Protein backbone atom coordinates (compact mmCIF):
# COMPACT_ATOMS: atom_id res chain seq x y z
CA MET A 1 19.51 15.65 -7.52
CA THR A 2 15.41 17.28 -8.49
CA THR A 3 15.03 16.98 -11.28
CA PHE A 4 14.67 13.41 -13.94
CA ALA A 5 14.60 11.62 -16.83
CA THR A 6 14.98 8.47 -17.54
CA LYS A 7 14.60 5.56 -14.79
CA ASP A 8 18.54 6.01 -14.72
CA ASP A 9 19.00 8.64 -13.86
CA VAL A 10 18.12 7.50 -10.48
CA LEU A 11 19.85 5.16 -10.27
CA THR A 12 22.58 6.89 -11.47
CA LEU A 13 21.99 9.53 -8.41
CA LEU A 14 21.77 6.62 -5.98
CA VAL A 15 24.97 5.50 -6.92
CA HIS A 16 26.68 8.24 -7.03
CA LEU A 17 25.25 8.54 -3.51
CA GLY A 18 26.67 5.25 -1.66
CA TYR A 19 23.26 3.54 -1.79
CA LEU A 20 24.26 0.97 -4.32
CA THR A 21 27.22 0.18 -6.95
CA TYR A 22 27.62 -0.50 -9.64
CA ASN A 23 29.79 -3.07 -11.39
CA SER A 24 31.35 -2.19 -13.99
CA GLN A 25 31.78 -5.82 -15.89
CA THR A 26 28.58 -7.48 -15.44
CA GLN A 27 26.99 -4.22 -15.30
CA SER A 28 24.62 -4.27 -12.24
CA VAL A 29 23.65 -2.50 -9.34
CA MET A 30 23.26 -3.61 -6.36
CA ILE A 31 22.92 -3.13 -1.93
CA PRO A 32 26.22 -3.08 -0.72
CA ASN A 33 25.32 -3.90 2.85
CA LYS A 34 23.33 -4.47 5.09
CA GLU A 35 22.92 -1.41 7.22
CA VAL A 36 21.54 0.16 3.37
CA SER A 37 19.74 -3.14 2.92
CA GLN A 38 17.73 -3.02 6.16
CA GLU A 39 16.38 1.05 4.92
CA TYR A 40 15.12 -0.44 1.81
CA ILE A 41 13.72 -3.44 3.69
CA ASN A 42 12.46 -0.12 5.83
CA ALA A 43 10.61 1.54 2.88
CA ILE A 44 9.11 -1.39 0.82
CA SER A 45 7.69 -2.43 4.03
CA MET A 46 5.37 0.67 4.25
CA MET A 47 4.66 1.37 0.26
CA ASP A 48 1.94 1.28 -0.97
CA TRP A 49 1.54 -2.62 -2.67
CA HIS A 50 -2.18 -1.40 -4.51
CA GLU A 51 0.37 1.08 -7.43
CA VAL A 52 3.30 -1.75 -7.78
CA ILE A 53 0.91 -4.50 -8.30
CA ARG A 54 -1.51 -1.78 -10.77
CA SER A 55 2.35 -0.91 -12.68
CA VAL A 56 2.54 -4.33 -12.94
CA GLU A 57 -0.06 -5.63 -14.05
CA ASN A 58 0.04 -2.75 -16.67
CA SER A 59 3.58 -3.88 -18.30
CA ARG A 60 2.42 -6.61 -18.11
CA LYS A 61 -0.78 -5.82 -20.14
CA LEU A 62 1.15 -3.58 -22.94
CA LEU A 63 3.48 -6.86 -23.60
CA GLU A 64 1.28 -8.70 -23.65
CA ASP A 65 -0.60 -6.17 -26.58
CA LEU A 66 3.14 -6.32 -28.08
CA TRP A 67 2.99 -9.10 -28.93
CA ASN A 68 -0.05 -9.09 -30.81
CA GLN A 69 0.90 -6.66 -32.51
CA ASP A 70 -2.77 -4.66 -31.17
CA ALA A 71 -0.95 -1.37 -32.21
CA GLU A 72 -3.89 0.86 -30.63
CA ALA A 73 -3.79 -0.54 -27.83
CA VAL A 74 0.35 -0.24 -27.41
CA ALA A 75 -0.38 3.40 -28.24
CA LYS A 76 -2.79 3.75 -25.34
CA GLY A 77 -0.66 1.91 -23.48
CA ILE A 78 2.29 4.32 -23.81
CA GLU A 79 -0.04 7.27 -23.49
């Protein structure tokens, strides 16, 4: 529970701990109830949104570089 290799590892842990539920037919996860949902809201409201915004912008830039087939920029973005 302390070493994660991928984002899927984190989601799997949250499902096993009961913080999320998994629907195998739609292959999606969801928040199981109001109490857990409220805790997610509390956690998100205390987050540093600058980091989230930066991550989204970096992802957008990487996607644009992929579309433009800019190999150097893609390599830099992945790095």
